[in-house]
Amino acid sequence: MAGMSGHSNITIPAGASYTVADVEFMQGMIAHHAQAIYMSRMAESHGANSRVLRLANKIDQSQVAEIRIMQDWLRRNGQTAPDTSSWRTMRMAGMLTDEQIKKLDAARGVEFDRAFLDYMIQHHEGALQMVKDLFATPQAGQEVDVNVFANDVVVVQTAEIGAMRQLLSQL
């Protein structure tokens, strides 16, 4: 998967129900989620309106829990489990560039709300692309926990994109 180099030594034991692509997806999604958490935690100090702040807090709380799930899955399967700083060195679909992070950090009030929502939509669409890429890889996404997690990402983040578009239309 694009942007996933750097996690060498992925070894899949004989008879395992998961693939290298599954491991790379879980590792990459940890970094992806960690950047979303970083973005979400800016909301309060940057003067986000109450509805944007509630969404940001929801994203923060749910993705912290999901990172633990992914790290536990990786460790259970003898794989490297990146920590939450990995977003600074790993790049996947939809992740903000350093320049975009700086623009978001410089914004305040309604300007922050618009930038946050635009960037988080971009970010979530990238996560949806990561799931599509996973399922397009032969034999990937079939292990039960990876499959359930990937499908949960699609359901939750598609719903959040809809909520963010509605919020944007009301700013």
N, C-alpha and C. Protein backbone atom coordinates (compact mmCIF):
# COMPACT_ATOMS: atom_id res chain seq x y z
N MET A 1 0.84 -1.18 0.00
CA MET A 1 0.00 0.00 0.00
C MET A 1 0.89 1.24 0.00
N ALA A 2 0.47 2.26 -0.68
CA ALA A 2 1.26 3.47 -0.81
C ALA A 2 1.54 4.09 0.55
N GLY A 3 2.78 4.52 0.74
CA GLY A 3 3.15 5.19 1.97
C GLY A 3 3.47 4.26 3.11
N MET A 4 3.46 2.99 2.87
CA MET A 4 3.61 2.04 3.96
C MET A 4 5.03 1.51 4.10
N SER A 5 5.95 1.94 3.27
CA SER A 5 7.31 1.44 3.41
C SER A 5 7.87 1.90 4.75
N GLY A 6 8.78 1.17 5.28
CA GLY A 6 9.36 1.52 6.55
C GLY A 6 9.02 0.51 7.63
N HIS A 7 8.00 -0.27 7.42
CA HIS A 7 7.69 -1.33 8.37
C HIS A 7 8.19 -2.63 7.78
N SER A 8 9.50 -2.79 7.87
CA SER A 8 10.11 -3.99 7.32
C SER A 8 9.86 -5.16 8.26
N ASN A 9 10.26 -6.30 7.80
CA ASN A 9 10.19 -7.51 8.61
C ASN A 9 8.76 -7.95 8.91
N ILE A 10 7.85 -7.72 7.99
CA ILE A 10 6.51 -8.29 8.15
C ILE A 10 6.62 -9.73 7.70
N THR A 11 6.44 -10.61 8.65
CA THR A 11 6.47 -12.04 8.37
C THR A 11 5.12 -12.62 8.72
N ILE A 12 4.55 -13.30 7.77
CA ILE A 12 3.24 -13.92 7.98
C ILE A 12 3.46 -15.40 8.24
N PRO A 13 3.06 -15.88 9.41
CA PRO A 13 3.26 -17.30 9.72
C PRO A 13 2.42 -18.20 8.82
N ALA A 14 2.91 -19.38 8.58
CA ALA A 14 2.17 -20.36 7.78
C ALA A 14 0.80 -20.59 8.41
N GLY A 15 -0.21 -20.60 7.56
CA GLY A 15 -1.57 -20.86 8.03
C GLY A 15 -2.29 -19.65 8.59
N ALA A 16 -1.64 -18.50 8.62
CA ALA A 16 -2.30 -17.30 9.15
C ALA A 16 -3.44 -16.88 8.23
N SER A 17 -4.47 -16.30 8.81
CA SER A 17 -5.63 -15.87 8.02
C SER A 17 -5.51 -14.41 7.59
N TYR A 18 -4.37 -13.79 7.86
CA TYR A 18 -4.14 -12.41 7.47
C TYR A 18 -2.95 -12.32 6.53
N THR A 19 -2.85 -11.18 5.85
CA THR A 19 -1.82 -10.98 4.83
C THR A 19 -0.93 -9.79 5.19
N VAL A 20 0.13 -9.62 4.41
CA VAL A 20 0.99 -8.44 4.56
C VAL A 20 0.15 -7.17 4.41
N ALA A 21 -0.77 -7.15 3.45
CA ALA A 21 -1.63 -5.98 3.24
C ALA A 21 -2.48 -5.68 4.48
N ASP A 22 -2.93 -6.71 5.19
CA ASP A 22 -3.71 -6.50 6.41
C ASP A 22 -2.85 -5.82 7.47
N VAL A 23 -1.63 -6.30 7.63
CA VAL A 23 -0.71 -5.72 8.61
C VAL A 23 -0.41 -4.27 8.24
N GLU A 24 -0.10 -4.03 6.98
CA GLU A 24 0.20 -2.66 6.53
C GLU A 24 -1.00 -1.74 6.70
N PHE A 25 -2.20 -2.25 6.45
CA PHE A 25 -3.41 -1.46 6.64
C PHE A 25 -3.56 -1.05 8.10
N MET A 26 -3.42 -2.00 9.01
CA MET A 26 -3.58 -1.69 10.43
C MET A 26 -2.49 -0.73 10.90
N GLN A 27 -1.25 -0.94 10.47
CA GLN A 27 -0.17 -0.03 10.84
C GLN A 27 -0.42 1.37 10.28
N GLY A 28 -0.81 1.44 9.04
CA GLY A 28 -1.07 2.73 8.40
C GLY A 28 -2.26 3.44 9.00
N MET A 29 -3.29 2.69 9.34
CA MET A 29 -4.49 3.32 9.91
C MET A 29 -4.21 3.87 11.31
N ILE A 30 -3.25 3.30 12.02
CA ILE A 30 -2.85 3.88 13.31
C ILE A 30 -2.32 5.29 13.08
N ALA A 31 -1.41 5.44 12.13
CA ALA A 31 -0.86 6.76 11.82
C ALA A 31 -1.96 7.70 11.32
N HIS A 32 -2.83 7.18 10.48
CA HIS A 32 -3.93 7.98 9.92
C HIS A 32 -4.83 8.50 11.04
N HIS A 33 -5.25 7.61 11.93
CA HIS A 33 -6.10 7.99 13.06
C HIS A 33 -5.37 8.99 13.96
N ALA A 34 -4.08 8.77 14.19
CA ALA A 34 -3.33 9.65 15.09
C ALA A 34 -3.32 11.08 14.56
N GLN A 35 -3.22 11.25 13.24
CA GLN A 35 -3.27 12.61 12.71
C GLN A 35 -4.66 13.21 12.91
N ALA A 36 -5.71 12.44 12.73
CA ALA A 36 -7.06 12.94 12.95
C ALA A 36 -7.26 13.37 14.41
N ILE A 37 -6.68 12.63 15.33
CA ILE A 37 -6.75 12.99 16.75
C ILE A 37 -6.01 14.30 16.98
N TYR A 38 -4.84 14.44 16.40
CA TYR A 38 -4.06 15.68 16.52
C TYR A 38 -4.88 16.87 16.02
N MET A 39 -5.50 16.71 14.86
CA MET A 39 -6.34 17.77 14.29
C MET A 39 -7.52 18.08 15.21
N SER A 40 -8.18 17.04 15.70
CA SER A 40 -9.36 17.22 16.54
C SER A 40 -9.04 17.94 17.84
N ARG A 41 -7.88 17.68 18.37
CA ARG A 41 -7.51 18.31 19.65
C ARG A 41 -7.19 19.79 19.51
N MET A 42 -7.11 20.29 18.29
CA MET A 42 -6.92 21.73 18.07
C MET A 42 -8.23 22.49 18.26
N ALA A 43 -9.35 21.83 18.12
CA ALA A 43 -10.65 22.51 18.04
C ALA A 43 -10.92 23.45 19.21
N GLU A 44 -10.72 22.97 20.41
CA GLU A 44 -11.06 23.81 21.57
C GLU A 44 -10.19 25.06 21.63
N SER A 45 -8.89 24.90 21.48
CA SER A 45 -7.98 26.05 21.61
C SER A 45 -8.04 27.00 20.42
N HIS A 46 -8.67 26.57 19.33
CA HIS A 46 -8.74 27.40 18.13
C HIS A 46 -10.13 28.02 17.92
N GLY A 47 -10.96 27.94 18.96
CA GLY A 47 -12.24 28.64 18.93
C GLY A 47 -13.31 28.01 18.06
N ALA A 48 -13.29 26.70 17.94
CA ALA A 48 -14.32 26.02 17.15
C ALA A 48 -15.69 26.25 17.77
N ASN A 49 -16.71 26.33 16.91
CA ASN A 49 -18.06 26.46 17.46
C ASN A 49 -18.46 25.15 18.14
N SER A 50 -19.51 25.20 18.93
CA SER A 50 -19.85 24.06 19.79
C SER A 50 -20.14 22.79 19.00
N ARG A 51 -20.75 22.90 17.84
CA ARG A 51 -21.07 21.70 17.05
C ARG A 51 -19.80 21.09 16.46
N VAL A 52 -18.90 21.92 15.96
CA VAL A 52 -17.62 21.41 15.44
C VAL A 52 -16.81 20.80 16.58
N LEU A 53 -16.83 21.45 17.73
CA LEU A 53 -16.11 20.92 18.89
C LEU A 53 -16.66 19.56 19.31
N ARG A 54 -17.98 19.39 19.32
CA ARG A 54 -18.56 18.09 19.67
C ARG A 54 -18.12 17.01 18.67
N LEU A 55 -18.13 17.34 17.38
CA LEU A 55 -17.67 16.38 16.37
C LEU A 55 -16.20 16.04 16.58
N ALA A 56 -15.38 17.06 16.81
CA ALA A 56 -13.95 16.84 17.02
C ALA A 56 -13.71 15.93 18.24
N ASN A 57 -14.45 16.18 19.31
CA ASN A 57 -14.31 15.34 20.51
C ASN A 57 -14.74 13.91 20.24
N LYS A 58 -15.78 13.73 19.44
CA LYS A 58 -16.25 12.38 19.09
C LYS A 58 -15.19 11.65 18.28
N ILE A 59 -14.60 12.35 17.30
CA ILE A 59 -13.54 11.75 16.48
C ILE A 59 -12.35 11.37 17.37
N ASP A 60 -11.95 12.27 18.25
CA ASP A 60 -10.85 12.02 19.17
C ASP A 60 -11.12 10.75 19.99
N GLN A 61 -12.24 10.70 20.68
CA GLN A 61 -12.54 9.59 21.57
C GLN A 61 -12.64 8.26 20.83
N SER A 62 -13.33 8.25 19.71
CA SER A 62 -13.52 6.98 19.00
C SER A 62 -12.21 6.49 18.38
N GLN A 63 -11.41 7.41 17.87
CA GLN A 63 -10.19 6.96 17.20
C GLN A 63 -9.08 6.58 18.18
N VAL A 64 -9.07 7.16 19.38
CA VAL A 64 -8.14 6.70 20.42
C VAL A 64 -8.44 5.24 20.74
N ALA A 65 -9.72 4.92 20.91
CA ALA A 65 -10.10 3.53 21.21
C ALA A 65 -9.75 2.60 20.05
N GLU A 66 -9.97 3.06 18.82
CA GLU A 66 -9.66 2.22 17.66
C GLU A 66 -8.16 2.00 17.51
N ILE A 67 -7.35 2.98 17.85
CA ILE A 67 -5.89 2.77 17.80
C ILE A 67 -5.50 1.64 18.75
N ARG A 68 -6.08 1.62 19.94
CA ARG A 68 -5.77 0.53 20.88
C ARG A 68 -6.15 -0.82 20.29
N ILE A 69 -7.30 -0.87 19.63
CA ILE A 69 -7.75 -2.12 19.00
C ILE A 69 -6.74 -2.56 17.94
N MET A 70 -6.29 -1.63 17.10
CA MET A 70 -5.33 -1.97 16.03
C MET A 70 -3.98 -2.38 16.61
N GLN A 71 -3.51 -1.65 17.61
CA GLN A 71 -2.22 -2.01 18.22
C GLN A 71 -2.30 -3.38 18.88
N ASP A 72 -3.39 -3.66 19.56
CA ASP A 72 -3.57 -4.98 20.19
C ASP A 72 -3.59 -6.08 19.14
N TRP A 73 -4.29 -5.86 18.03
CA TRP A 73 -4.34 -6.85 16.96
C TRP A 73 -2.94 -7.11 16.41
N LEU A 74 -2.20 -6.06 16.14
CA LEU A 74 -0.84 -6.22 15.61
C LEU A 74 0.04 -6.99 16.59
N ARG A 75 0.01 -6.62 17.85
CA ARG A 75 0.85 -7.30 18.85
C ARG A 75 0.45 -8.77 19.00
N ARG A 76 -0.87 -9.02 19.03
CA ARG A 76 -1.36 -10.42 19.14
C ARG A 76 -0.85 -11.27 17.99
N ASN A 77 -0.64 -10.64 16.85
CA ASN A 77 -0.19 -11.37 15.67
C ASN A 77 1.32 -11.22 15.43
N GLY A 78 2.05 -10.77 16.44
CA GLY A 78 3.50 -10.71 16.38
C GLY A 78 4.05 -9.67 15.40
N GLN A 79 3.28 -8.60 15.19
CA GLN A 79 3.70 -7.56 14.24
C GLN A 79 4.05 -6.28 14.98
N THR A 80 4.78 -5.41 14.30
CA THR A 80 5.14 -4.12 14.86
C THR A 80 3.89 -3.25 14.96
N ALA A 81 3.67 -2.68 16.15
CA ALA A 81 2.52 -1.80 16.38
C ALA A 81 3.05 -0.38 16.56
N PRO A 82 2.89 0.47 15.54
CA PRO A 82 3.38 1.84 15.65
C PRO A 82 2.68 2.59 16.79
N ASP A 83 3.36 3.60 17.32
CA ASP A 83 2.70 4.45 18.31
C ASP A 83 2.06 5.63 17.59
N THR A 84 1.46 6.51 18.36
CA THR A 84 0.69 7.60 17.75
C THR A 84 1.55 8.70 17.15
N SER A 85 2.85 8.66 17.36
CA SER A 85 3.71 9.65 16.70
C SER A 85 3.98 9.27 15.25
N SER A 86 3.55 8.09 14.84
CA SER A 86 3.86 7.60 13.49
C SER A 86 3.25 8.47 12.40
N TRP A 87 2.23 9.27 12.71
CA TRP A 87 1.62 10.12 11.69
C TRP A 87 2.60 11.16 11.16
N ARG A 88 3.61 11.46 11.93
CA ARG A 88 4.59 12.48 11.51
C ARG A 88 5.54 11.97 10.43
N THR A 89 5.66 10.65 10.29
CA THR A 89 6.61 10.09 9.31
C THR A 89 5.94 9.22 8.25
N MET A 90 4.73 8.80 8.48
CA MET A 90 4.03 7.94 7.52
C MET A 90 2.98 8.77 6.80
N ARG A 91 2.84 8.57 5.51
CA ARG A 91 1.83 9.30 4.74
C ARG A 91 0.96 8.31 3.97
N MET A 92 -0.34 8.49 4.14
CA MET A 92 -1.31 7.67 3.42
C MET A 92 -2.33 8.60 2.77
N ALA A 93 -3.21 8.01 2.00
CA ALA A 93 -4.26 8.77 1.31
C ALA A 93 -5.00 9.67 2.29
N GLY A 94 -5.21 10.92 1.88
CA GLY A 94 -6.02 11.86 2.65
C GLY A 94 -5.32 12.57 3.78
N MET A 95 -4.14 12.12 4.16
CA MET A 95 -3.46 12.76 5.28
C MET A 95 -3.03 14.17 4.89
N LEU A 96 -3.09 15.07 5.87
CA LEU A 96 -2.71 16.45 5.63
C LEU A 96 -1.20 16.57 5.45
N THR A 97 -0.83 17.50 4.61
CA THR A 97 0.59 17.82 4.46
C THR A 97 1.01 18.69 5.63
N ASP A 98 2.31 18.88 5.77
CA ASP A 98 2.80 19.77 6.83
C ASP A 98 2.25 21.18 6.63
N GLU A 99 2.15 21.62 5.39
CA GLU A 99 1.61 22.95 5.08
C GLU A 99 0.14 23.06 5.49
N GLN A 100 -0.64 22.03 5.23
CA GLN A 100 -2.05 22.05 5.64
C GLN A 100 -2.19 22.07 7.16
N ILE A 101 -1.35 21.33 7.85
CA ILE A 101 -1.37 21.35 9.33
C ILE A 101 -1.07 22.76 9.83
N LYS A 102 -0.10 23.42 9.22
CA LYS A 102 0.24 24.80 9.62
C LYS A 102 -0.93 25.74 9.36
N LYS A 103 -1.61 25.59 8.22
CA LYS A 103 -2.77 26.44 7.92
C LYS A 103 -3.88 26.21 8.94
N LEU A 104 -4.13 24.95 9.28
CA LEU A 104 -5.16 24.64 10.27
C LEU A 104 -4.80 25.25 11.61
N ASP A 105 -3.55 25.13 12.01
CA ASP A 105 -3.10 25.65 13.29
C ASP A 105 -3.19 27.18 13.35
N ALA A 106 -3.04 27.83 12.22
CA ALA A 106 -3.08 29.30 12.17
C ALA A 106 -4.51 29.85 12.18
N ALA A 107 -5.48 29.01 11.89
CA ALA A 107 -6.88 29.45 11.78
C ALA A 107 -7.53 29.54 13.16
N ARG A 108 -8.51 30.45 13.25
CA ARG A 108 -9.27 30.64 14.48
C ARG A 108 -10.74 30.86 14.14
N GLY A 109 -11.62 30.48 15.08
CA GLY A 109 -13.04 30.73 14.93
C GLY A 109 -13.63 30.06 13.69
N VAL A 110 -14.47 30.80 12.97
CA VAL A 110 -15.15 30.25 11.79
C VAL A 110 -14.14 29.80 10.74
N GLU A 111 -13.03 30.52 10.62
CA GLU A 111 -11.98 30.11 9.67
C GLU A 111 -11.44 28.73 10.05
N PHE A 112 -11.26 28.49 11.36
CA PHE A 112 -10.84 27.17 11.81
C PHE A 112 -11.91 26.13 11.50
N ASP A 113 -13.17 26.46 11.80
CA ASP A 113 -14.26 25.51 11.55
C ASP A 113 -14.25 25.04 10.10
N ARG A 114 -14.17 25.99 9.17
CA ARG A 114 -14.18 25.64 7.74
C ARG A 114 -12.96 24.79 7.38
N ALA A 115 -11.79 25.22 7.82
CA ALA A 115 -10.56 24.48 7.49
C ALA A 115 -10.61 23.07 8.10
N PHE A 116 -11.04 22.99 9.37
CA PHE A 116 -11.11 21.70 10.04
C PHE A 116 -12.04 20.76 9.28
N LEU A 117 -13.22 21.23 8.95
CA LEU A 117 -14.20 20.39 8.26
C LEU A 117 -13.71 19.98 6.87
N ASP A 118 -13.17 20.94 6.11
CA ASP A 118 -12.63 20.61 4.78
C ASP A 118 -11.51 19.57 4.88
N TYR A 119 -10.60 19.80 5.80
CA TYR A 119 -9.45 18.89 5.94
C TYR A 119 -9.87 17.54 6.50
N MET A 120 -10.83 17.53 7.43
CA MET A 120 -11.24 16.24 8.00
C MET A 120 -12.03 15.44 6.96
N ILE A 121 -12.79 16.11 6.10
CA ILE A 121 -13.45 15.39 5.00
C ILE A 121 -12.39 14.76 4.11
N GLN A 122 -11.38 15.53 3.73
CA GLN A 122 -10.26 15.00 2.94
C GLN A 122 -9.64 13.80 3.64
N HIS A 123 -9.42 13.93 4.94
CA HIS A 123 -8.79 12.89 5.75
C HIS A 123 -9.64 11.62 5.76
N HIS A 124 -10.93 11.78 6.03
CA HIS A 124 -11.83 10.63 6.06
C HIS A 124 -11.94 9.97 4.68
N GLU A 125 -11.99 10.77 3.63
CA GLU A 125 -12.02 10.18 2.28
C GLU A 125 -10.77 9.36 2.02
N GLY A 126 -9.64 9.79 2.57
CA GLY A 126 -8.41 9.01 2.45
C GLY A 126 -8.52 7.68 3.16
N ALA A 127 -9.15 7.67 4.34
CA ALA A 127 -9.35 6.42 5.06
C ALA A 127 -10.25 5.47 4.26
N LEU A 128 -11.28 6.02 3.64
CA LEU A 128 -12.15 5.20 2.79
C LEU A 128 -11.36 4.61 1.63
N GLN A 129 -10.44 5.39 1.07
CA GLN A 129 -9.59 4.88 -0.02
C GLN A 129 -8.68 3.77 0.49
N MET A 130 -8.16 3.91 1.71
CA MET A 130 -7.32 2.85 2.28
C MET A 130 -8.09 1.55 2.40
N VAL A 131 -9.35 1.63 2.80
CA VAL A 131 -10.18 0.42 2.89
C VAL A 131 -10.41 -0.17 1.50
N LYS A 132 -10.72 0.68 0.53
CA LYS A 132 -10.90 0.18 -0.85
C LYS A 132 -9.64 -0.52 -1.34
N ASP A 133 -8.48 0.09 -1.08
CA ASP A 133 -7.21 -0.51 -1.49
C ASP A 133 -6.99 -1.86 -0.81
N LEU A 134 -7.34 -1.93 0.47
CA LEU A 134 -7.21 -3.19 1.21
C LEU A 134 -8.05 -4.28 0.55
N PHE A 135 -9.33 -3.98 0.33
CA PHE A 135 -10.23 -4.99 -0.23
C PHE A 135 -9.93 -5.30 -1.69
N ALA A 136 -9.20 -4.42 -2.37
CA ALA A 136 -8.81 -4.69 -3.77
C ALA A 136 -7.56 -5.56 -3.86
N THR A 137 -6.91 -5.79 -2.72
CA THR A 137 -5.70 -6.61 -2.68
C THR A 137 -6.11 -8.08 -2.51
N PRO A 138 -5.65 -8.95 -3.41
CA PRO A 138 -6.04 -10.36 -3.32
C PRO A 138 -5.78 -10.95 -1.93
N GLN A 139 -6.78 -11.61 -1.38
CA GLN A 139 -6.78 -12.32 -0.10
C GLN A 139 -6.72 -11.40 1.12
N ALA A 140 -6.64 -10.09 0.94
CA ALA A 140 -6.57 -9.17 2.07
C ALA A 140 -7.98 -8.84 2.56
N GLY A 141 -8.05 -8.42 3.82
CA GLY A 141 -9.32 -8.02 4.40
C GLY A 141 -10.25 -9.17 4.72
N GLN A 142 -9.73 -10.39 4.75
CA GLN A 142 -10.57 -11.56 5.01
C GLN A 142 -10.52 -12.00 6.47
N GLU A 143 -9.46 -11.69 7.17
CA GLU A 143 -9.34 -12.04 8.59
C GLU A 143 -10.46 -11.29 9.31
N VAL A 144 -11.14 -11.95 10.23
CA VAL A 144 -12.37 -11.43 10.82
C VAL A 144 -12.18 -10.04 11.44
N ASP A 145 -11.19 -9.88 12.30
CA ASP A 145 -11.02 -8.60 12.99
C ASP A 145 -10.67 -7.47 12.02
N VAL A 146 -9.83 -7.75 11.04
CA VAL A 146 -9.48 -6.73 10.05
C VAL A 146 -10.71 -6.38 9.22
N ASN A 147 -11.47 -7.39 8.82
CA ASN A 147 -12.66 -7.17 8.01
C ASN A 147 -13.69 -6.33 8.75
N VAL A 148 -13.97 -6.67 9.99
CA VAL A 148 -14.95 -5.92 10.79
C VAL A 148 -14.46 -4.49 11.00
N PHE A 149 -13.18 -4.34 11.35
CA PHE A 149 -12.65 -2.99 11.58
C PHE A 149 -12.74 -2.15 10.31
N ALA A 150 -12.31 -2.69 9.19
CA ALA A 150 -12.32 -1.94 7.93
C ALA A 150 -13.74 -1.53 7.55
N ASN A 151 -14.69 -2.44 7.72
CA ASN A 151 -16.08 -2.10 7.41
C ASN A 151 -16.65 -1.07 8.39
N ASP A 152 -16.24 -1.12 9.65
CA ASP A 152 -16.64 -0.09 10.61
C ASP A 152 -16.10 1.28 10.20
N VAL A 153 -14.87 1.32 9.71
CA VAL A 153 -14.30 2.59 9.23
C VAL A 153 -15.18 3.17 8.14
N VAL A 154 -15.61 2.33 7.22
CA VAL A 154 -16.46 2.80 6.11
C VAL A 154 -17.77 3.37 6.65
N VAL A 155 -18.43 2.65 7.52
CA VAL A 155 -19.73 3.08 8.03
C VAL A 155 -19.61 4.39 8.82
N VAL A 156 -18.70 4.41 9.78
CA VAL A 156 -18.57 5.57 10.67
C VAL A 156 -18.07 6.79 9.91
N GLN A 157 -17.02 6.62 9.11
CA GLN A 157 -16.44 7.79 8.48
C GLN A 157 -17.31 8.31 7.34
N THR A 158 -18.07 7.45 6.69
CA THR A 158 -19.03 7.93 5.69
C THR A 158 -20.10 8.78 6.37
N ALA A 159 -20.60 8.33 7.51
CA ALA A 159 -21.60 9.10 8.27
C ALA A 159 -21.00 10.43 8.74
N GLU A 160 -19.77 10.41 9.21
CA GLU A 160 -19.15 11.65 9.68
C GLU A 160 -18.91 12.62 8.52
N ILE A 161 -18.57 12.13 7.35
CA ILE A 161 -18.42 13.01 6.18
C ILE A 161 -19.75 13.71 5.90
N GLY A 162 -20.84 12.98 5.97
CA GLY A 162 -22.16 13.59 5.77
C GLY A 162 -22.44 14.67 6.81
N ALA A 163 -22.14 14.40 8.07
CA ALA A 163 -22.34 15.39 9.13
C ALA A 163 -21.45 16.62 8.90
N MET A 164 -20.21 16.38 8.48
CA MET A 164 -19.30 17.51 8.24
C MET A 164 -19.75 18.36 7.07
N ARG A 165 -20.25 17.74 6.03
CA ARG A 165 -20.76 18.51 4.88
C ARG A 165 -21.97 19.35 5.31
N GLN A 166 -22.81 18.78 6.15
CA GLN A 166 -23.97 19.54 6.65
C GLN A 166 -23.50 20.71 7.50
N LEU A 167 -22.54 20.49 8.39
CA LEU A 167 -22.00 21.58 9.21
C LEU A 167 -21.39 22.68 8.34
N LEU A 168 -20.64 22.28 7.33
CA LEU A 168 -20.03 23.26 6.41
C LEU A 168 -21.11 24.13 5.75
N SER A 169 -22.21 23.52 5.36
CA SER A 169 -23.26 24.27 4.69
C SER A 169 -23.94 25.27 5.61
N GLN A 170 -23.77 25.11 6.91
CA GLN A 170 -24.42 25.98 7.88
C GLN A 170 -23.49 27.05 8.43
N LEU A 171 -22.24 27.05 8.00
CA LEU A 171 -21.28 28.06 8.50
C LEU A 171 -21.44 29.37 7.77
